[in-house]
Structure formats: structure tokens, C-alpha cells
Amino acid sequence: MSAEQELLSNWRSLPPDKQEEVLDFVEFLRWKTSTNKTPLGEGLRQIRSKIIASGEHLLSRDEIEKEIASRRGGLQETDA
């Protein structure tokens, strides 16, 4: 089995939140080898690394959108 196949197989066995973490890490590695780094981007990545190292949960895209909507008064919770 090639490294690519092994990686994909292992990734598929992870729960969705862990798959997202792997994708985030791969994106970080791509950025790390990129030459187009900005000071703002570097600062944000350092903050993100500290959050991950602390064990704090990173929000998913959906969770971020809900948080923004909630803060803007656009999220309405209904009693079911």
C-alpha cells in the first residue's frame, strides 16, 4: 500500500471532527512551505497553534457561522 493510500485509509476511519483536524493540519503544512506568507497570516497561525496545543476545541465552519449569526441576532432558537 502506498503512503497516499495508507493516509486516505486512516483518514476515512476517523470521526468527522478528526478528519477536519487532519485537513487543517495539511493546509498548515502547505502554507508552511509556501512563500506567500503575510505578517497577519503568520500571527493568526501562531494563535491557532496555541489553541490546538492547549487542547481547546476548534470551531467547524458551521459552528463559526452559527456563532456569527448568534452574535448578530440572526439565530433564533425555538422550543420544540
N, C-alpha and C. Protein backbone atom coordinates (compact mmCIF):
# COMPACT_ATOMS: atom_id res chain seq x y z
N MET A 1 0.85 -1.17 0.00
CA MET A 1 0.00 0.00 0.00
C MET A 1 0.90 1.24 0.00
N SER A 2 0.59 2.18 -0.87
CA SER A 2 1.38 3.40 -0.93
C SER A 2 1.07 4.29 0.28
N ALA A 3 1.95 5.24 0.53
CA ALA A 3 1.74 6.17 1.64
C ALA A 3 0.43 6.94 1.45
N GLU A 4 0.14 7.30 0.22
CA GLU A 4 -1.10 8.04 -0.08
C GLU A 4 -2.33 7.18 0.25
N GLN A 5 -2.31 5.93 -0.15
CA GLN A 5 -3.42 5.03 0.13
C GLN A 5 -3.58 4.79 1.62
N GLU A 6 -2.45 4.63 2.31
CA GLU A 6 -2.48 4.40 3.75
C GLU A 6 -3.05 5.62 4.48
N LEU A 7 -2.62 6.80 4.05
CA LEU A 7 -3.12 8.04 4.64
C LEU A 7 -4.63 8.16 4.45
N LEU A 8 -5.08 7.92 3.23
CA LEU A 8 -6.51 8.03 2.93
C LEU A 8 -7.32 7.00 3.71
N SER A 9 -6.82 5.79 3.80
CA SER A 9 -7.50 4.75 4.55
C SER A 9 -7.62 5.12 6.03
N ASN A 10 -6.53 5.59 6.60
CA ASN A 10 -6.55 6.00 8.01
C ASN A 10 -7.46 7.20 8.22
N TRP A 11 -7.44 8.16 7.30
CA TRP A 11 -8.28 9.35 7.40
C TRP A 11 -9.76 8.97 7.38
N ARG A 12 -10.12 8.04 6.51
CA ARG A 12 -11.52 7.62 6.40
C ARG A 12 -12.01 6.93 7.67
N SER A 13 -11.11 6.36 8.45
CA SER A 13 -11.51 5.66 9.68
C SER A 13 -11.73 6.62 10.85
N LEU A 14 -11.39 7.89 10.67
CA LEU A 14 -11.53 8.87 11.75
C LEU A 14 -12.94 9.45 11.78
N PRO A 15 -13.38 9.93 12.95
CA PRO A 15 -14.66 10.64 13.02
C PRO A 15 -14.54 11.98 12.28
N PRO A 16 -15.66 12.55 11.84
CA PRO A 16 -15.62 13.79 11.04
C PRO A 16 -14.84 14.94 11.67
N ASP A 17 -14.93 15.13 12.98
CA ASP A 17 -14.20 16.24 13.59
C ASP A 17 -12.69 16.04 13.50
N LYS A 18 -12.25 14.78 13.61
CA LYS A 18 -10.82 14.49 13.49
C LYS A 18 -10.36 14.58 12.04
N GLN A 19 -11.23 14.21 11.11
CA GLN A 19 -10.90 14.38 9.69
C GLN A 19 -10.65 15.86 9.38
N GLU A 20 -11.48 16.72 9.98
CA GLU A 20 -11.33 18.16 9.79
C GLU A 20 -10.00 18.65 10.36
N GLU A 21 -9.60 18.11 11.50
CA GLU A 21 -8.31 18.48 12.08
C GLU A 21 -7.16 18.08 11.15
N VAL A 22 -7.26 16.90 10.55
CA VAL A 22 -6.22 16.44 9.62
C VAL A 22 -6.16 17.39 8.42
N LEU A 23 -7.31 17.77 7.89
CA LEU A 23 -7.33 18.70 6.75
C LEU A 23 -6.72 20.04 7.13
N ASP A 24 -7.05 20.52 8.34
CA ASP A 24 -6.46 21.77 8.81
C ASP A 24 -4.94 21.67 8.91
N PHE A 25 -4.46 20.52 9.40
CA PHE A 25 -3.03 20.34 9.54
C PHE A 25 -2.34 20.29 8.18
N VAL A 26 -2.96 19.61 7.23
CA VAL A 26 -2.39 19.54 5.87
C VAL A 26 -2.33 20.94 5.27
N GLU A 27 -3.39 21.73 5.48
CA GLU A 27 -3.40 23.10 4.97
C GLU A 27 -2.29 23.91 5.63
N PHE A 28 -2.08 23.70 6.93
CA PHE A 28 -0.99 24.37 7.63
C PHE A 28 0.36 24.00 7.02
N LEU A 29 0.57 22.72 6.75
CA LEU A 29 1.83 22.28 6.16
C LEU A 29 2.03 22.88 4.77
N ARG A 30 0.96 22.95 4.00
CA ARG A 30 1.05 23.59 2.67
C ARG A 30 1.47 25.04 2.82
N TRP A 31 0.85 25.73 3.77
CA TRP A 31 1.19 27.12 4.00
C TRP A 31 2.64 27.26 4.44
N LYS A 32 3.04 26.38 5.33
CA LYS A 32 4.39 26.44 5.89
C LYS A 32 5.46 26.36 4.81
N THR A 33 5.18 25.65 3.74
CA THR A 33 6.14 25.52 2.64
C THR A 33 5.93 26.58 1.56
N SER A 34 4.91 27.39 1.73
CA SER A 34 4.60 28.44 0.75
C SER A 34 5.50 29.65 0.96
N THR A 35 5.68 30.44 -0.09
CA THR A 35 6.49 31.66 0.01
C THR A 35 5.61 32.89 0.19
N ASN A 36 4.28 32.74 0.12
CA ASN A 36 3.36 33.87 0.22
C ASN A 36 2.82 34.02 1.65
N LYS A 37 3.68 34.32 2.59
CA LYS A 37 3.28 34.47 3.98
C LYS A 37 3.16 35.95 4.32
N THR A 38 2.07 36.31 4.99
CA THR A 38 1.90 37.69 5.42
C THR A 38 2.04 37.74 6.94
N PRO A 39 2.40 38.89 7.49
CA PRO A 39 2.51 39.00 8.95
C PRO A 39 1.18 38.68 9.66
N LEU A 40 0.07 39.15 9.11
CA LEU A 40 -1.23 38.86 9.71
C LEU A 40 -1.50 37.36 9.69
N GLY A 41 -1.28 36.72 8.56
CA GLY A 41 -1.49 35.28 8.45
C GLY A 41 -0.61 34.51 9.41
N GLU A 42 0.63 34.94 9.53
CA GLU A 42 1.55 34.27 10.46
C GLU A 42 1.06 34.41 11.89
N GLY A 43 0.61 35.60 12.26
CA GLY A 43 0.10 35.82 13.60
C GLY A 43 -1.13 34.96 13.89
N LEU A 44 -2.03 34.87 12.94
CA LEU A 44 -3.23 34.04 13.12
C LEU A 44 -2.88 32.57 13.24
N ARG A 45 -1.91 32.11 12.46
CA ARG A 45 -1.50 30.72 12.55
C ARG A 45 -0.84 30.41 13.90
N GLN A 46 -0.10 31.38 14.42
CA GLN A 46 0.50 31.18 15.74
C GLN A 46 -0.57 31.07 16.82
N ILE A 47 -1.59 31.92 16.72
CA ILE A 47 -2.71 31.85 17.67
C ILE A 47 -3.40 30.51 17.56
N ARG A 48 -3.65 30.06 16.33
CA ARG A 48 -4.31 28.77 16.10
C ARG A 48 -3.48 27.63 16.69
N SER A 49 -2.17 27.67 16.49
CA SER A 49 -1.30 26.63 17.03
C SER A 49 -1.36 26.58 18.55
N LYS A 50 -1.42 27.76 19.18
CA LYS A 50 -1.53 27.80 20.64
C LYS A 50 -2.85 27.21 21.11
N ILE A 51 -3.93 27.51 20.39
CA ILE A 51 -5.24 26.96 20.75
C ILE A 51 -5.21 25.44 20.64
N ILE A 52 -4.67 24.92 19.56
CA ILE A 52 -4.60 23.47 19.36
C ILE A 52 -3.74 22.84 20.45
N ALA A 53 -2.61 23.46 20.76
CA ALA A 53 -1.71 22.92 21.79
C ALA A 53 -2.38 22.90 23.17
N SER A 54 -3.30 23.83 23.40
CA SER A 54 -3.98 23.89 24.70
C SER A 54 -5.06 22.82 24.83
N GLY A 55 -5.40 22.19 23.69
CA GLY A 55 -6.45 21.17 23.72
C GLY A 55 -7.84 21.75 23.51
N GLU A 56 -7.92 23.04 23.33
CA GLU A 56 -9.21 23.70 23.11
C GLU A 56 -9.80 23.25 21.77
N HIS A 57 -11.10 23.11 21.72
CA HIS A 57 -11.81 22.69 20.52
C HIS A 57 -11.83 23.82 19.49
N LEU A 58 -11.44 23.53 18.26
CA LEU A 58 -11.56 24.50 17.18
C LEU A 58 -12.95 24.40 16.60
N LEU A 59 -13.55 25.53 16.29
CA LEU A 59 -14.88 25.53 15.72
C LEU A 59 -14.85 25.08 14.27
N SER A 60 -15.89 24.33 13.87
CA SER A 60 -16.05 23.95 12.48
C SER A 60 -16.60 25.16 11.72
N ARG A 61 -16.64 25.07 10.42
CA ARG A 61 -17.20 26.15 9.61
C ARG A 61 -18.65 26.43 10.01
N ASP A 62 -19.44 25.36 10.21
CA ASP A 62 -20.84 25.53 10.62
C ASP A 62 -20.95 26.20 11.98
N GLU A 63 -20.09 25.78 12.90
CA GLU A 63 -20.11 26.39 14.24
C GLU A 63 -19.74 27.87 14.19
N ILE A 64 -18.81 28.22 13.33
CA ILE A 64 -18.43 29.62 13.17
C ILE A 64 -19.61 30.43 12.62
N GLU A 65 -20.27 29.89 11.61
CA GLU A 65 -21.41 30.59 11.02
C GLU A 65 -22.53 30.77 12.05
N LYS A 66 -22.79 29.75 12.87
CA LYS A 66 -23.81 29.86 13.92
C LYS A 66 -23.41 30.91 14.95
N GLU A 67 -22.13 30.92 15.33
CA GLU A 67 -21.64 31.90 16.29
C GLU A 67 -21.82 33.32 15.76
N ILE A 68 -21.46 33.54 14.52
CA ILE A 68 -21.61 34.86 13.91
C ILE A 68 -23.08 35.25 13.87
N ALA A 69 -23.94 34.34 13.41
CA ALA A 69 -25.37 34.63 13.34
C ALA A 69 -25.93 34.95 14.72
N SER A 70 -25.51 34.19 15.72
CA SER A 70 -25.98 34.42 17.09
C SER A 70 -25.58 35.81 17.58
N ARG A 71 -24.35 36.19 17.33
CA ARG A 71 -23.87 37.50 17.79
C ARG A 71 -24.52 38.64 17.04
N ARG A 72 -24.96 38.38 15.83
CA ARG A 72 -25.63 39.42 15.03
C ARG A 72 -27.14 39.40 15.23
N GLY A 73 -27.61 38.51 16.08
CA GLY A 73 -29.03 38.46 16.36
C GLY A 73 -29.84 37.70 15.32
N GLY A 74 -29.16 36.95 14.46
CA GLY A 74 -29.85 36.26 13.38
C GLY A 74 -30.21 34.82 13.67
N LEU A 75 -29.75 34.29 14.79
CA LEU A 75 -30.03 32.91 15.12
C LEU A 75 -31.17 32.88 16.12
N GLN A 76 -32.24 32.20 15.76
CA GLN A 76 -33.41 32.11 16.62
C GLN A 76 -33.58 30.68 17.07
N GLU A 77 -33.46 30.45 18.36
CA GLU A 77 -33.69 29.13 18.93
C GLU A 77 -35.18 28.98 19.19
N THR A 78 -35.75 27.84 18.82
CA THR A 78 -37.17 27.60 19.07
C THR A 78 -37.32 26.43 20.01
N ASP A 79 -38.33 26.49 20.85
CA ASP A 79 -38.63 25.37 21.74
C ASP A 79 -39.36 24.31 20.94
N ALA A 80 -38.90 23.07 21.06
CA ALA A 80 -39.54 22.00 20.30
C ALA A 80 -40.43 21.18 21.17
